[in-house]
Amino acid sequence: MTVIAQEPHIPGRLAEAIRQWDDEVGTYKGKKNWDYLVLPYLDEQHRKQVESGLLEAHPEGDFPF
């Protein structure tokens, strides 16, 4: 998670995807664990990318995932 979260745009996009899981998918994937462990980390990494200007320097089309 720490490696992939360094890629431009990935933390924000991954957090958004997790937040969009419906109840069935969320239960299957253990969303209650993601909510308090992973989402705060992804949100912080996204904030750092925004503040550093990294997202402006790398258009979304350039990331490898």
PDB file of N, CA and C in Angstrom:
ATOM      1  N   MET A   1       0.826  -1.178   0.000  1.00  0.00           N
ATOM      2  CA  MET A   1       0.000   0.000   0.000  1.00  0.00           C
ATOM      3  C   MET A   1       0.876   1.250   0.000  1.00  0.00           C
ATOM      4  N   THR A   2       1.950   1.228   0.774  1.00  0.00           N
ATOM      5  CA  THR A   2       2.797   2.415   0.847  1.00  0.00           C
ATOM      6  C   THR A   2       3.482   2.708  -0.479  1.00  0.00           C
ATOM      7  N   VAL A   3       3.798   1.678  -1.250  1.00  0.00           N
ATOM      8  CA  VAL A   3       4.452   1.873  -2.543  1.00  0.00           C
ATOM      9  C   VAL A   3       3.460   2.419  -3.564  1.00  0.00           C
ATOM     10  N   ILE A   4       2.312   1.790  -3.661  1.00  0.00           N
ATOM     11  CA  ILE A   4       1.330   2.226  -4.654  1.00  0.00           C
ATOM     12  C   ILE A   4       0.785   3.623  -4.333  1.00  0.00           C
ATOM     13  N   ALA A   5       0.746   3.983  -3.068  1.00  0.00           N
ATOM     14  CA  ALA A   5       0.229   5.301  -2.671  1.00  0.00           C
ATOM     15  C   ALA A   5       1.169   6.437  -3.071  1.00  0.00           C
ATOM     16  N   GLN A   6       2.375   6.106  -3.523  1.00  0.00           N
ATOM     17  CA  GLN A   6       3.310   7.141  -3.966  1.00  0.00           C
ATOM     18  C   GLN A   6       3.074   7.534  -5.427  1.00  0.00           C
ATOM     19  N   GLU A   7       2.334   6.727  -6.155  1.00  0.00           N
ATOM     20  CA  GLU A   7       2.042   7.028  -7.558  1.00  0.00           C
ATOM     21  C   GLU A   7       1.081   8.214  -7.643  1.00  0.00           C
ATOM     22  N   PRO A   8       1.332   9.137  -8.561  1.00  0.00           N
ATOM     23  CA  PRO A   8       0.430  10.285  -8.707  1.00  0.00           C
ATOM     24  C   PRO A   8      -1.013   9.839  -8.950  1.00  0.00           C
ATOM     25  N   HIS A   9      -1.923  10.452  -8.247  1.00  0.00           N
ATOM     26  CA  HIS A   9      -3.374  10.262  -8.364  1.00  0.00           C
ATOM     27  C   HIS A   9      -3.904   8.992  -7.710  1.00  0.00           C
ATOM     28  N   ILE A  10      -3.063   8.016  -7.432  1.00  0.00           N
ATOM     29  CA  ILE A  10      -3.542   6.729  -6.940  1.00  0.00           C
ATOM     30  C   ILE A  10      -4.206   6.829  -5.562  1.00  0.00           C
ATOM     31  N   PRO A  11      -3.633   7.513  -4.587  1.00  0.00           N
ATOM     32  CA  PRO A  11      -4.300   7.537  -3.282  1.00  0.00           C
ATOM     33  C   PRO A  11      -5.721   8.104  -3.345  1.00  0.00           C
ATOM     34  N   GLY A  12      -5.907   9.176  -4.061  1.00  0.00           N
ATOM     35  CA  GLY A  12      -7.234   9.785  -4.168  1.00  0.00           C
ATOM     36  C   GLY A  12      -8.214   8.900  -4.916  1.00  0.00           C
ATOM     37  N   ARG A  13      -7.750   8.285  -5.988  1.00  0.00           N
ATOM     38  CA  ARG A  13      -8.640   7.425  -6.789  1.00  0.00           C
ATOM     39  C   ARG A  13      -9.001   6.155  -6.030  1.00  0.00           C
ATOM     40  N   LEU A  14      -8.043   5.579  -5.322  1.00  0.00           N
ATOM     41  CA  LEU A  14      -8.309   4.365  -4.558  1.00  0.00           C
ATOM     42  C   LEU A  14      -9.265   4.653  -3.394  1.00  0.00           C
ATOM     43  N   ALA A  15      -9.046   5.753  -2.692  1.00  0.00           N
ATOM     44  CA  ALA A  15      -9.954   6.123  -1.594  1.00  0.00           C
ATOM     45  C   ALA A  15     -11.371   6.349  -2.124  1.00  0.00           C
ATOM     46  N   GLU A  16     -11.475   7.003  -3.255  1.00  0.00           N
ATOM     47  CA  GLU A  16     -12.791   7.240  -3.855  1.00  0.00           C
ATOM     48  C   GLU A  16     -13.482   5.917  -4.199  1.00  0.00           C
ATOM     49  N   ALA A  17     -12.725   4.987  -4.752  1.00  0.00           N
ATOM     50  CA  ALA A  17     -13.297   3.688  -5.124  1.00  0.00           C
ATOM     51  C   ALA A  17     -13.780   2.929  -3.888  1.00  0.00           C
ATOM     52  N   ILE A  18     -12.983   2.935  -2.835  1.00  0.00           N
ATOM     53  CA  ILE A  18     -13.378   2.250  -1.600  1.00  0.00           C
ATOM     54  C   ILE A  18     -14.643   2.872  -1.025  1.00  0.00           C
ATOM     55  N   ARG A  19     -14.731   4.172  -1.057  1.00  0.00           N
ATOM     56  CA  ARG A  19     -15.911   4.852  -0.512  1.00  0.00           C
ATOM     57  C   ARG A  19     -17.178   4.560  -1.328  1.00  0.00           C
ATOM     58  N   GLN A  20     -17.021   4.140  -2.558  1.00  0.00           N
ATOM     59  CA  GLN A  20     -18.174   3.858  -3.408  1.00  0.00           C
ATOM     60  C   GLN A  20     -18.659   2.412  -3.324  1.00  0.00           C
ATOM     61  N   TRP A  21     -17.956   1.571  -2.552  1.00  0.00           N
ATOM     62  CA  TRP A  21     -18.423   0.197  -2.395  1.00  0.00           C
ATOM     63  C   TRP A  21     -19.813   0.202  -1.788  1.00  0.00           C
ATOM     64  N   ASP A  22     -20.715  -0.608  -2.329  1.00  0.00           N
ATOM     65  CA  ASP A  22     -22.025  -0.738  -1.705  1.00  0.00           C
ATOM     66  C   ASP A  22     -21.887  -1.650  -0.480  1.00  0.00           C
ATOM     67  N   ASP A  23     -22.967  -1.827   0.263  1.00  0.00           N
ATOM     68  CA  ASP A  23     -22.914  -2.600   1.505  1.00  0.00           C
ATOM     69  C   ASP A  23     -22.448  -4.039   1.282  1.00  0.00           C
ATOM     70  N   GLU A  24     -22.921  -4.664   0.210  1.00  0.00           N
ATOM     71  CA  GLU A  24     -22.559  -6.060  -0.047  1.00  0.00           C
ATOM     72  C   GLU A  24     -21.066  -6.197  -0.328  1.00  0.00           C
ATOM     73  N   VAL A  25     -20.553  -5.366  -1.196  1.00  0.00           N
ATOM     74  CA  VAL A  25     -19.125  -5.402  -1.523  1.00  0.00           C
ATOM     75  C   VAL A  25     -18.308  -5.003  -0.297  1.00  0.00           C
ATOM     76  N   GLY A  26     -18.756  -3.975   0.406  1.00  0.00           N
ATOM     77  CA  GLY A  26     -18.054  -3.527   1.606  1.00  0.00           C
ATOM     78  C   GLY A  26     -17.938  -4.612   2.657  1.00  0.00           C
ATOM     79  N   THR A  27     -18.999  -5.369   2.840  1.00  0.00           N
ATOM     80  CA  THR A  27     -18.970  -6.470   3.797  1.00  0.00           C
ATOM     81  C   THR A  27     -17.998  -7.550   3.324  1.00  0.00           C
ATOM     82  N   TYR A  28     -18.074  -7.893   2.051  1.00  0.00           N
ATOM     83  CA  TYR A  28     -17.202  -8.923   1.487  1.00  0.00           C
ATOM     84  C   TYR A  28     -15.725  -8.535   1.626  1.00  0.00           C
ATOM     85  N   LYS A  29     -15.408  -7.269   1.375  1.00  0.00           N
ATOM     86  CA  LYS A  29     -14.011  -6.824   1.378  1.00  0.00           C
ATOM     87  C   LYS A  29     -13.550  -6.282   2.729  1.00  0.00           C
ATOM     88  N   GLY A  30     -14.406  -6.347   3.746  1.00  0.00           N
ATOM     89  CA  GLY A  30     -14.012  -5.888   5.075  1.00  0.00           C
ATOM     90  C   GLY A  30     -13.856  -4.384   5.171  1.00  0.00           C
ATOM     91  N   LYS A  31     -14.784  -3.650   4.590  1.00  0.00           N
ATOM     92  CA  LYS A  31     -14.685  -2.187   4.531  1.00  0.00           C
ATOM     93  C   LYS A  31     -14.527  -1.543   5.901  1.00  0.00           C
ATOM     94  N   LYS A  32     -15.094  -2.151   6.938  1.00  0.00           N
ATOM     95  CA  LYS A  32     -14.969  -1.554   8.271  1.00  0.00           C
ATOM     96  C   LYS A  32     -13.494  -1.426   8.667  1.00  0.00           C
ATOM     97  N   ASN A  33     -12.660  -2.333   8.207  1.00  0.00           N
ATOM     98  CA  ASN A  33     -11.218  -2.233   8.478  1.00  0.00           C
ATOM     99  C   ASN A  33     -10.563  -1.163   7.616  1.00  0.00           C
ATOM    100  N   TRP A  34     -11.003  -1.055   6.380  1.00  0.00           N
ATOM    101  CA  TRP A  34     -10.446  -0.052   5.471  1.00  0.00           C
ATOM    102  C   TRP A  34     -10.785   1.349   5.963  1.00  0.00           C
ATOM    103  N   ASP A  35     -11.990   1.513   6.515  1.00  0.00           N
ATOM    104  CA  ASP A  35     -12.455   2.832   6.946  1.00  0.00           C
ATOM    105  C   ASP A  35     -11.541   3.469   7.982  1.00  0.00           C
ATOM    106  N   TYR A  36     -11.041   2.678   8.905  1.00  0.00           N
ATOM    107  CA  TYR A  36     -10.242   3.298   9.958  1.00  0.00           C
ATOM    108  C   TYR A  36      -8.741   3.079   9.800  1.00  0.00           C
ATOM    109  N   LEU A  37      -8.326   2.189   8.917  1.00  0.00           N
ATOM    110  CA  LEU A  37      -6.894   1.959   8.718  1.00  0.00           C
ATOM    111  C   LEU A  37      -6.372   2.564   7.422  1.00  0.00           C
ATOM    112  N   VAL A  38      -6.989   2.216   6.331  1.00  0.00           N
ATOM    113  CA  VAL A  38      -6.439   2.559   5.027  1.00  0.00           C
ATOM    114  C   VAL A  38      -6.908   3.923   4.525  1.00  0.00           C
ATOM    115  N   LEU A  39      -8.179   4.237   4.679  1.00  0.00           N
ATOM    116  CA  LEU A  39      -8.684   5.511   4.148  1.00  0.00           C
ATOM    117  C   LEU A  39      -7.980   6.730   4.743  1.00  0.00           C
ATOM    118  N   PRO A  40      -7.752   6.787   6.046  1.00  0.00           N
ATOM    119  CA  PRO A  40      -7.009   7.951   6.555  1.00  0.00           C
ATOM    120  C   PRO A  40      -5.611   8.070   5.936  1.00  0.00           C
ATOM    121  N   TYR A  41      -4.945   6.945   5.737  1.00  0.00           N
ATOM    122  CA  TYR A  41      -3.618   6.962   5.111  1.00  0.00           C
ATOM    123  C   TYR A  41      -3.709   7.460   3.667  1.00  0.00           C
ATOM    124  N   LEU A  42      -4.652   6.924   2.904  1.00  0.00           N
ATOM    125  CA  LEU A  42      -4.811   7.352   1.514  1.00  0.00           C
ATOM    126  C   LEU A  42      -5.172   8.829   1.419  1.00  0.00           C
ATOM    127  N   ASP A  43      -6.052   9.285   2.301  1.00  0.00           N
ATOM    128  CA  ASP A  43      -6.429  10.698   2.306  1.00  0.00           C
ATOM    129  C   ASP A  43      -5.223  11.591   2.598  1.00  0.00           C
ATOM    130  N   GLU A  44      -4.386  11.162   3.528  1.00  0.00           N
ATOM    131  CA  GLU A  44      -3.186  11.939   3.863  1.00  0.00           C
ATOM    132  C   GLU A  44      -2.205  11.971   2.692  1.00  0.00           C
ATOM    133  N   GLN A  45      -2.020  10.843   2.034  1.00  0.00           N
ATOM    134  CA  GLN A  45      -1.115  10.805   0.885  1.00  0.00           C
ATOM    135  C   GLN A  45      -1.651  11.662  -0.263  1.00  0.00           C
ATOM    136  N   HIS A  46      -2.951  11.625  -0.465  1.00  0.00           N
ATOM    137  CA  HIS A  46      -3.558  12.462  -1.504  1.00  0.00           C
ATOM    138  C   HIS A  46      -3.357  13.946  -1.174  1.00  0.00           C
ATOM    139  N   ARG A  47      -3.590  14.302   0.082  1.00  0.00           N
ATOM    140  CA  ARG A  47      -3.391  15.690   0.508  1.00  0.00           C
ATOM    141  C   ARG A  47      -1.950  16.124   0.245  1.00  0.00           C
ATOM    142  N   LYS A  48      -0.999  15.275   0.569  1.00  0.00           N
ATOM    143  CA  LYS A  48       0.417  15.602   0.339  1.00  0.00           C
ATOM    144  C   LYS A  48       0.704  15.781  -1.153  1.00  0.00           C
ATOM    145  N   GLN A  49       0.108  14.951  -1.991  1.00  0.00           N
ATOM    146  CA  GLN A  49       0.319  15.094  -3.433  1.00  0.00           C
ATOM    147  C   GLN A  49      -0.257  16.411  -3.943  1.00  0.00           C
ATOM    148  N   VAL A  50      -1.423  16.778  -3.460  1.00  0.00           N
ATOM    149  CA  VAL A  50      -2.049  18.045  -3.870  1.00  0.00           C
ATOM    150  C   VAL A  50      -1.183  19.217  -3.420  1.00  0.00           C
ATOM    151  N   GLU A  51      -0.795  19.215  -2.149  1.00  0.00           N
ATOM    152  CA  GLU A  51      -0.009  20.332  -1.602  1.00  0.00           C
ATOM    153  C   GLU A  51       1.357  20.467  -2.254  1.00  0.00           C
ATOM    154  N   SER A  52       1.945  19.350  -2.673  1.00  0.00           N
ATOM    155  CA  SER A  52       3.280  19.404  -3.274  1.00  0.00           C
ATOM    156  C   SER A  52       3.245  19.825  -4.742  1.00  0.00           C
ATOM    157  N   GLY A  53       2.048  19.854  -5.330  1.00  0.00           N
ATOM    158  CA  GLY A  53       1.932  20.193  -6.741  1.00  0.00           C
ATOM    159  C   GLY A  53       2.156  19.007  -7.659  1.00  0.00           C
ATOM    160  N   LEU A  54       2.346  17.831  -7.098  1.00  0.00           N
ATOM    161  CA  LEU A  54       2.608  16.631  -7.887  1.00  0.00           C
ATOM    162  C   LEU A  54       1.488  16.329  -8.874  1.00  0.00           C
ATOM    163  N   LEU A  55       0.257  16.563  -8.476  1.00  0.00           N
ATOM    164  CA  LEU A  55      -0.865  16.227  -9.347  1.00  0.00           C
ATOM    165  C   LEU A  55      -0.956  17.155 -10.540  1.00  0.00           C
ATOM    166  N   GLU A  56      -0.499  18.377 -10.386  1.00  0.00           N
ATOM    167  CA  GLU A  56      -0.489  19.315 -11.507  1.00  0.00           C
ATOM    168  C   GLU A  56       0.610  18.959 -12.506  1.00  0.00           C
ATOM    169  N   ALA A  57       1.698  18.393 -12.020  1.00  0.00           N
ATOM    170  CA  ALA A  57       2.837  18.072 -12.876  1.00  0.00           C
ATOM    171  C   ALA A  57       2.626  16.778 -13.665  1.00  0.00           C
ATOM    172  N   HIS A  58       1.706  15.932 -13.222  1.00  0.00           N
ATOM    173  CA  HIS A  58       1.470  14.639 -13.858  1.00  0.00           C
ATOM    174  C   HIS A  58      -0.013  14.504 -14.195  1.00  0.00           C
ATOM    175  N   PRO A  59      -0.397  14.777 -15.426  1.00  0.00           N
ATOM    176  CA  PRO A  59      -1.800  14.588 -15.791  1.00  0.00           C
ATOM    177  C   PRO A  59      -2.229  13.147 -15.536  1.00  0.00           C
ATOM    178  N   GLU A  60      -3.465  12.934 -15.211  1.00  0.00           N
ATOM    179  CA  GLU A  60      -3.953  11.607 -14.850  1.00  0.00           C
ATOM    180  C   GLU A  60      -3.649  10.557 -15.905  1.00  0.00           C
ATOM    181  N   GLY A  61      -3.568  10.912 -17.137  1.00  0.00           N
ATOM    182  CA  GLY A  61      -3.300   9.944 -18.180  1.00  0.00           C
ATOM    183  C   GLY A  61      -1.917   9.334 -18.139  1.00  0.00           C
ATOM    184  N   ASP A  62      -1.004   9.878 -17.372  1.00  0.00           N
ATOM    185  CA  ASP A  62       0.372   9.406 -17.341  1.00  0.00           C
ATOM    186  C   ASP A  62       0.668   8.339 -16.294  1.00  0.00           C
ATOM    187  N   PHE A  63      -0.270   8.032 -15.412  1.00  0.00           N
ATOM    188  CA  PHE A  63       0.066   7.069 -14.384  1.00  0.00           C
ATOM    189  C   PHE A  63      -0.083   5.650 -14.924  1.00  0.00           C
ATOM    190  N   PRO A  64       0.669   4.687 -14.330  1.00  0.00           N
ATOM    191  CA  PRO A  64       0.732   3.345 -14.909  1.00  0.00           C
ATOM    192  C   PRO A  64      -0.434   2.429 -14.591  1.00  0.00           C
ATOM    193  N   PHE A  65      -1.343   2.800 -13.743  1.00  0.00           N
ATOM    194  CA  PHE A  65      -2.402   1.869 -13.331  1.00  0.00           C
ATOM    195  C   PHE A  65      -3.696   2.233 -13.980  1.00  0.00           C
TER     196      PHE A  65
END
